[in-house]
PDB file of N, CA and C in Angstrom:
ATOM      1  N   UNK A   1       0.071  40.267 -38.797  1.00  0.00           N
ATOM      2  CA  UNK A   1       1.150  41.082 -39.297  1.00  0.00           C
ATOM      3  C   UNK A   1       0.752  41.613 -40.676  1.00  0.00           C
ATOM      4  N   UNK A   2       0.999  42.846 -40.893  1.00  0.00           N
ATOM      5  CA  UNK A   2       0.622  43.498 -42.148  1.00  0.00           C
ATOM      6  C   UNK A   2       1.774  43.374 -43.155  1.00  0.00           C
ATOM      7  N   UNK A   3       1.451  42.942 -44.372  1.00  0.00           N
ATOM      8  CA  UNK A   3       2.436  42.843 -45.444  1.00  0.00           C
ATOM      9  C   UNK A   3       2.133  43.914 -46.486  1.00  0.00           C
ATOM     10  N   UNK A   4       3.157  44.536 -47.023  1.00  0.00           N
ATOM     11  CA  UNK A   4       2.996  45.576 -48.039  1.00  0.00           C
ATOM     12  C   UNK A   4       3.175  44.982 -49.429  1.00  0.00           C
ATOM     13  N   UNK A   5       2.380  45.474 -50.368  1.00  0.00           N
ATOM     14  CA  UNK A   5       2.462  45.043 -51.759  1.00  0.00           C
ATOM     15  C   UNK A   5       3.005  46.214 -52.578  1.00  0.00           C
ATOM     16  N   UNK A   6       4.003  45.927 -53.399  1.00  0.00           N
ATOM     17  CA  UNK A   6       4.623  46.938 -54.253  1.00  0.00           C
ATOM     18  C   UNK A   6       4.566  46.485 -55.702  1.00  0.00           C
ATOM     19  N   UNK A   7       4.427  47.432 -56.609  1.00  0.00           N
ATOM     20  CA  UNK A   7       4.438  47.114 -58.031  1.00  0.00           C
ATOM     21  C   UNK A   7       5.885  47.095 -58.509  1.00  0.00           C
ATOM     22  N   UNK A   8       6.265  46.030 -59.197  1.00  0.00           N
ATOM     23  CA  UNK A   8       7.604  45.863 -59.766  1.00  0.00           C
ATOM     24  C   UNK A   8       7.426  45.492 -61.240  1.00  0.00           C
ATOM     25  N   UNK A   9       7.563  46.460 -62.112  1.00  0.00           N
ATOM     26  CA  UNK A   9       7.341  46.207 -63.540  1.00  0.00           C
ATOM     27  C   UNK A   9       5.888  45.858 -63.781  1.00  0.00           C
ATOM     28  N   UNK A  10       5.632  44.678 -64.365  1.00  0.00           N
ATOM     29  CA  UNK A  10       4.271  44.229 -64.630  1.00  0.00           C
ATOM     30  C   UNK A  10       3.737  43.318 -63.528  1.00  0.00           C
ATOM     31  N   UNK A  11       4.493  43.147 -62.452  1.00  0.00           N
ATOM     32  CA  UNK A  11       4.114  42.226 -61.378  1.00  0.00           C
ATOM     33  C   UNK A  11       3.912  42.980 -60.070  1.00  0.00           C
ATOM     34  N   UNK A  12       3.346  42.276 -59.097  1.00  0.00           N
ATOM     35  CA  UNK A  12       3.219  42.782 -57.743  1.00  0.00           C
ATOM     36  C   UNK A  12       4.109  41.934 -56.847  1.00  0.00           C
ATOM     37  N   UNK A  13       4.739  42.554 -55.858  1.00  0.00           N
ATOM     38  CA  UNK A  13       5.587  41.812 -54.932  1.00  0.00           C
ATOM     39  C   UNK A  13       5.137  42.089 -53.509  1.00  0.00           C
ATOM     40  N   UNK A  14       5.403  41.124 -52.627  1.00  0.00           N
ATOM     41  CA  UNK A  14       5.078  41.251 -51.214  1.00  0.00           C
ATOM     42  C   UNK A  14       6.384  41.394 -50.454  1.00  0.00           C
ATOM     43  N   UNK A  15       6.451  42.349 -49.578  1.00  0.00           N
ATOM     44  CA  UNK A  15       7.639  42.558 -48.756  1.00  0.00           C
ATOM     45  C   UNK A  15       7.413  41.845 -47.428  1.00  0.00           C
ATOM     46  N   UNK A  16       8.302  40.880 -47.138  1.00  0.00           N
ATOM     47  CA  UNK A  16       8.207  40.098 -45.906  1.00  0.00           C
ATOM     48  C   UNK A  16       9.118  40.748 -44.863  1.00  0.00           C
ATOM     49  N   UNK A  17       8.557  41.123 -43.707  1.00  0.00           N
ATOM     50  CA  UNK A  17       9.390  41.724 -42.663  1.00  0.00           C
ATOM     51  C   UNK A  17      10.474  40.755 -42.182  1.00  0.00           C
ATOM     52  N   UNK A  18      11.584  41.315 -41.726  1.00  0.00           N
ATOM     53  CA  UNK A  18      12.735  40.510 -41.323  1.00  0.00           C
ATOM     54  C   UNK A  18      12.381  39.509 -40.219  1.00  0.00           C
ATOM     55  N   UNK A  19      11.595  39.924 -39.220  1.00  0.00           N
ATOM     56  CA  UNK A  19      11.248  39.002 -38.129  1.00  0.00           C
ATOM     57  C   UNK A  19      10.402  37.826 -38.619  1.00  0.00           C
ATOM     58  N   UNK A  20       9.555  38.059 -39.623  1.00  0.00           N
ATOM     59  CA  UNK A  20       8.754  36.982 -40.194  1.00  0.00           C
ATOM     60  C   UNK A  20       9.651  36.029 -40.990  1.00  0.00           C
ATOM     61  N   UNK A  21      10.572  36.573 -41.786  1.00  0.00           N
ATOM     62  CA  UNK A  21      11.492  35.748 -42.568  1.00  0.00           C
ATOM     63  C   UNK A  21      12.376  34.913 -41.643  1.00  0.00           C
ATOM     64  N   UNK A  22      12.808  35.493 -40.536  1.00  0.00           N
ATOM     65  CA  UNK A  22      13.643  34.767 -39.583  1.00  0.00           C
ATOM     66  C   UNK A  22      12.871  33.618 -38.955  1.00  0.00           C
ATOM     67  N   UNK A  23      11.624  33.854 -38.569  1.00  0.00           N
ATOM     68  CA  UNK A  23      10.830  32.798 -37.936  1.00  0.00           C
ATOM     69  C   UNK A  23      10.459  31.693 -38.929  1.00  0.00           C
ATOM     70  N   UNK A  24      10.378  32.038 -40.233  1.00  0.00           N
ATOM     71  CA  UNK A  24      10.086  31.034 -41.257  1.00  0.00           C
ATOM     72  C   UNK A  24      11.360  30.366 -41.767  1.00  0.00           C
ATOM     73  N   UNK A  25      12.515  30.850 -41.313  1.00  0.00           N
ATOM     74  CA  UNK A  25      13.823  30.309 -41.696  1.00  0.00           C
ATOM     75  C   UNK A  25      14.049  30.417 -43.207  1.00  0.00           C
ATOM     76  N   UNK A  26      13.730  31.586 -43.770  1.00  0.00           N
ATOM     77  CA  UNK A  26      13.961  31.844 -45.199  1.00  0.00           C
ATOM     78  C   UNK A  26      14.914  33.024 -45.345  1.00  0.00           C
ATOM     79  N   UNK A  27      15.586  33.051 -46.481  1.00  0.00           N
ATOM     80  CA  UNK A  27      16.551  34.114 -46.758  1.00  0.00           C
ATOM     81  C   UNK A  27      16.396  34.531 -48.218  1.00  0.00           C
ATOM     82  N   UNK A  28      17.163  35.484 -48.635  1.00  0.00           N
ATOM     83  CA  UNK A  28      17.125  35.993 -50.004  1.00  0.00           C
ATOM     84  C   UNK A  28      17.331  34.856 -51.003  1.00  0.00           C
ATOM     85  N   UNK A  29      16.449  34.737 -51.979  1.00  0.00           N
ATOM     86  CA  UNK A  29      16.555  33.709 -53.008  1.00  0.00           C
ATOM     87  C   UNK A  29      15.758  32.446 -52.712  1.00  0.00           C
ATOM     88  N   UNK A  30      15.279  32.276 -51.472  1.00  0.00           N
ATOM     89  CA  UNK A  30      14.460  31.113 -51.137  1.00  0.00           C
ATOM     90  C   UNK A  30      13.057  31.284 -51.711  1.00  0.00           C
ATOM     91  N   UNK A  31      12.301  30.201 -51.731  1.00  0.00           N
ATOM     92  CA  UNK A  31      10.934  30.241 -52.250  1.00  0.00           C
ATOM     93  C   UNK A  31       9.928  30.104 -51.119  1.00  0.00           C
ATOM     94  N   UNK A  32       8.807  30.772 -51.262  1.00  0.00           N
ATOM     95  CA  UNK A  32       7.666  30.600 -50.382  1.00  0.00           C
ATOM     96  C   UNK A  32       6.521  30.056 -51.219  1.00  0.00           C
ATOM     97  N   UNK A  33       5.639  29.296 -50.598  1.00  0.00           N
ATOM     98  CA  UNK A  33       4.548  28.658 -51.299  1.00  0.00           C
ATOM     99  C   UNK A  33       3.222  29.105 -50.709  1.00  0.00           C
ATOM    100  N   UNK A  34       2.283  29.450 -51.572  1.00  0.00           N
ATOM    101  CA  UNK A  34       0.944  29.869 -51.146  1.00  0.00           C
ATOM    102  C   UNK A  34      -0.020  28.717 -51.410  1.00  0.00           C
ATOM    103  N   UNK A  35      -0.763  28.342 -50.372  1.00  0.00           N
ATOM    104  CA  UNK A  35      -1.741  27.269 -50.467  1.00  0.00           C
ATOM    105  C   UNK A  35      -3.117  27.859 -50.176  1.00  0.00           C
ATOM    106  N   UNK A  36      -4.081  27.585 -51.062  1.00  0.00           N
ATOM    107  CA  UNK A  36      -5.431  28.109 -50.877  1.00  0.00           C
ATOM    108  C   UNK A  36      -6.130  27.326 -49.774  1.00  0.00           C
ATOM    109  N   UNK A  37      -6.703  28.051 -48.818  1.00  0.00           N
ATOM    110  CA  UNK A  37      -7.463  27.451 -47.722  1.00  0.00           C
ATOM    111  C   UNK A  37      -8.856  28.056 -47.723  1.00  0.00           C
ATOM    112  N   UNK A  38      -9.798  27.485 -46.973  1.00  0.00           N
ATOM    113  CA  UNK A  38     -11.151  28.059 -46.939  1.00  0.00           C
ATOM    114  C   UNK A  38     -11.193  29.518 -46.459  1.00  0.00           C
ATOM    115  N   UNK A  39     -10.221  29.914 -45.635  1.00  0.00           N
ATOM    116  CA  UNK A  39     -10.229  31.281 -45.110  1.00  0.00           C
ATOM    117  C   UNK A  39      -9.335  32.235 -45.898  1.00  0.00           C
ATOM    118  N   UNK A  40      -8.719  31.776 -46.993  1.00  0.00           N
ATOM    119  CA  UNK A  40      -7.847  32.633 -47.800  1.00  0.00           C
ATOM    120  C   UNK A  40      -6.645  31.854 -48.291  1.00  0.00           C
ATOM    121  N   UNK A  41      -5.456  32.418 -48.137  1.00  0.00           N
ATOM    122  CA  UNK A  41      -4.218  31.756 -48.551  1.00  0.00           C
ATOM    123  C   UNK A  41      -3.286  31.618 -47.356  1.00  0.00           C
ATOM    124  N   UNK A  42      -2.561  30.509 -47.330  1.00  0.00           N
ATOM    125  CA  UNK A  42      -1.547  30.277 -46.309  1.00  0.00           C
ATOM    126  C   UNK A  42      -0.192  30.331 -46.991  1.00  0.00           C
ATOM    127  N   UNK A  43       0.721  31.124 -46.464  1.00  0.00           N
ATOM    128  CA  UNK A  43       2.065  31.244 -47.009  1.00  0.00           C
ATOM    129  C   UNK A  43       3.011  30.480 -46.097  1.00  0.00           C
ATOM    130  N   UNK A  44       3.773  29.560 -46.684  1.00  0.00           N
ATOM    131  CA  UNK A  44       4.707  28.762 -45.886  1.00  0.00           C
ATOM    132  C   UNK A  44       5.988  28.529 -46.669  1.00  0.00           C
ATOM    133  N   UNK A  45       6.993  28.047 -45.971  1.00  0.00           N
ATOM    134  CA  UNK A  45       8.302  27.832 -46.585  1.00  0.00           C
ATOM    135  C   UNK A  45       8.463  26.420 -47.122  1.00  0.00           C
ATOM    136  N   UNK A  46       7.436  25.588 -47.029  1.00  0.00           N
ATOM    137  CA  UNK A  46       7.557  24.239 -47.551  1.00  0.00           C
ATOM    138  C   UNK A  46       6.577  24.019 -48.692  1.00  0.00           C
ATOM    139  N   UNK A  47       6.945  23.137 -49.592  1.00  0.00           N
ATOM    140  CA  UNK A  47       6.157  22.830 -50.782  1.00  0.00           C
ATOM    141  C   UNK A  47       5.280  21.614 -50.503  1.00  0.00           C
ATOM    142  N   UNK A  48       3.944  21.756 -50.458  1.00  0.00           N
ATOM    143  CA  UNK A  48       3.077  20.611 -50.176  1.00  0.00           C
ATOM    144  C   UNK A  48       3.200  19.506 -51.230  1.00  0.00           C
ATOM    145  N   UNK A  49       3.497  19.844 -52.480  1.00  0.00           N
ATOM    146  CA  UNK A  49       3.677  18.821 -53.511  1.00  0.00           C
ATOM    147  C   UNK A  49       4.927  17.995 -53.237  1.00  0.00           C
ATOM    148  N   UNK A  50       5.981  18.641 -52.745  1.00  0.00           N
ATOM    149  CA  UNK A  50       7.211  17.930 -52.415  1.00  0.00           C
ATOM    150  C   UNK A  50       6.962  16.961 -51.271  1.00  0.00           C
ATOM    151  N   UNK A  51       6.161  17.356 -50.291  1.00  0.00           N
ATOM    152  CA  UNK A  51       5.844  16.482 -49.159  1.00  0.00           C
ATOM    153  C   UNK A  51       5.139  15.227 -49.658  1.00  0.00           C
ATOM    154  N   UNK A  52       4.203  15.372 -50.603  1.00  0.00           N
ATOM    155  CA  UNK A  52       3.508  14.210 -51.155  1.00  0.00           C
ATOM    156  C   UNK A  52       4.483  13.270 -51.866  1.00  0.00           C
ATOM    157  N   UNK A  53       5.441  13.836 -52.602  1.00  0.00           N
ATOM    158  CA  UNK A  53       6.425  13.018 -53.315  1.00  0.00           C
ATOM    159  C   UNK A  53       7.328  12.273 -52.345  1.00  0.00           C
ATOM    160  N   UNK A  54       7.738  12.922 -51.259  1.00  0.00           N
ATOM    161  CA  UNK A  54       8.587  12.274 -50.259  1.00  0.00           C
ATOM    162  C   UNK A  54       7.832  11.146 -49.580  1.00  0.00           C
ATOM    163  N   UNK A  55       6.560  11.344 -49.268  1.00  0.00           N
ATOM    164  CA  UNK A  55       5.765  10.289 -48.639  1.00  0.00           C
ATOM    165  C   UNK A  55       5.642   9.082 -49.563  1.00  0.00           C
ATOM    166  N   UNK A  56       5.459   9.314 -50.862  1.00  0.00           N
ATOM    167  CA  UNK A  56       5.394   8.215 -51.825  1.00  0.00           C
ATOM    168  C   UNK A  56       6.728   7.482 -51.894  1.00  0.00           C
ATOM    169  N   UNK A  57       7.829   8.233 -51.866  1.00  0.00           N
ATOM    170  CA  UNK A  57       9.162   7.618 -51.892  1.00  0.00           C
ATOM    171  C   UNK A  57       9.390   6.776 -50.642  1.00  0.00           C
ATOM    172  N   UNK A  58       8.960   7.259 -49.500  1.00  0.00           N
ATOM    173  CA  UNK A  58       9.126   6.492 -48.252  1.00  0.00           C
ATOM    174  C   UNK A  58       8.334   5.198 -48.288  1.00  0.00           C
ATOM    175  N   UNK A  59       7.112   5.252 -48.843  1.00  0.00           N
ATOM    176  CA  UNK A  59       6.310   4.013 -48.967  1.00  0.00           C
ATOM    177  C   UNK A  59       7.020   3.013 -49.871  1.00  0.00           C
ATOM    178  N   UNK A  60       7.592   3.506 -50.978  1.00  0.00           N
ATOM    179  CA  UNK A  60       8.317   2.629 -51.895  1.00  0.00           C
ATOM    180  C   UNK A  60       9.563   2.053 -51.250  1.00  0.00           C
ATOM    181  N   UNK A  61      10.291   2.863 -50.482  1.00  0.00           N
ATOM    182  CA  UNK A  61      11.500   2.363 -49.811  1.00  0.00           C
ATOM    183  C   UNK A  61      11.155   1.313 -48.770  1.00  0.00           C
ATOM    184  N   UNK A  62      10.022   1.496 -48.097  1.00  0.00           N
ATOM    185  CA  UNK A  62       9.601   0.512 -47.096  1.00  0.00           C
ATOM    186  C   UNK A  62       9.195  -0.798 -47.767  1.00  0.00           C
ATOM    187  N   UNK A  63       8.474  -0.689 -48.876  1.00  0.00           N
ATOM    188  CA  UNK A  63       7.984  -1.874 -49.582  1.00  0.00           C
ATOM    189  C   UNK A  63       9.134  -2.656 -50.211  1.00  0.00           C
ATOM    190  N   UNK A  64      10.105  -1.973 -50.789  1.00  0.00           N
ATOM    191  CA  UNK A  64      11.209  -2.622 -51.492  1.00  0.00           C
ATOM    192  C   UNK A  64      12.522  -2.514 -50.715  1.00  0.00           C
ATOM    193  N   UNK A  65      12.428  -2.567 -49.394  1.00  0.00           N
ATOM    194  CA  UNK A  65      13.594  -2.402 -48.524  1.00  0.00           C
ATOM    195  C   UNK A  65      14.692  -3.412 -48.849  1.00  0.00           C
ATOM    196  N   UNK A  66      14.336  -4.686 -48.947  1.00  0.00           N
ATOM    197  CA  UNK A  66      15.342  -5.729 -49.199  1.00  0.00           C
ATOM    198  C   UNK A  66      16.024  -5.546 -50.559  1.00  0.00           C
ATOM    199  N   UNK A  67      15.267  -5.193 -51.555  1.00  0.00           N
ATOM    200  CA  UNK A  67      15.843  -4.988 -52.888  1.00  0.00           C
ATOM    201  C   UNK A  67      16.801  -3.797 -52.866  1.00  0.00           C
ATOM    202  N   UNK A  68      16.439  -2.742 -52.166  1.00  0.00           N
ATOM    203  CA  UNK A  68      17.317  -1.565 -52.089  1.00  0.00           C
ATOM    204  C   UNK A  68      18.601  -1.876 -51.324  1.00  0.00           C
ATOM    205  N   UNK A  69      18.495  -2.712 -50.304  1.00  0.00           N
ATOM    206  CA  UNK A  69      19.698  -3.115 -49.562  1.00  0.00           C
ATOM    207  C   UNK A  69      20.629  -3.888 -50.478  1.00  0.00           C
ATOM    208  N   UNK A  70      20.098  -4.792 -51.291  1.00  0.00           N
ATOM    209  CA  UNK A  70      20.917  -5.568 -52.217  1.00  0.00           C
ATOM    210  C   UNK A  70      21.543  -4.669 -53.278  1.00  0.00           C
ATOM    211  N   UNK A  71      20.795  -3.705 -53.775  1.00  0.00           N
ATOM    212  CA  UNK A  71      21.330  -2.788 -54.789  1.00  0.00           C
ATOM    213  C   UNK A  71      22.434  -1.909 -54.230  1.00  0.00           C
ATOM    214  N   UNK A  72      22.373  -1.628 -52.926  1.00  0.00           N
ATOM    215  CA  UNK A  72      23.384  -0.761 -52.312  1.00  0.00           C
ATOM    216  C   UNK A  72      24.723  -1.468 -52.095  1.00  0.00           C
ATOM    217  N   UNK A  73      24.723  -2.794 -52.215  1.00  0.00           N
ATOM    218  CA  UNK A  73      25.978  -3.548 -51.977  1.00  0.00           C
ATOM    219  C   UNK A  73      26.942  -3.395 -53.116  1.00  0.00           C
TER     220      UNK A  73
END
């Protein structure tokens, strides 16, 4: 799919076609994230840094499960 680049002030913007935005489940005001890959850049609707933080939180919740249960009482 071809994306168009437009100049907006001192920046460049990419126009995402409606069918692409719908399939990525994004709307006006949402963020997209570009990740560098060996073949170029991958644009996605999820933040890879956030995924790493959630995985770390899940490991901590699993390790300290009993303590968290007691704190929740």
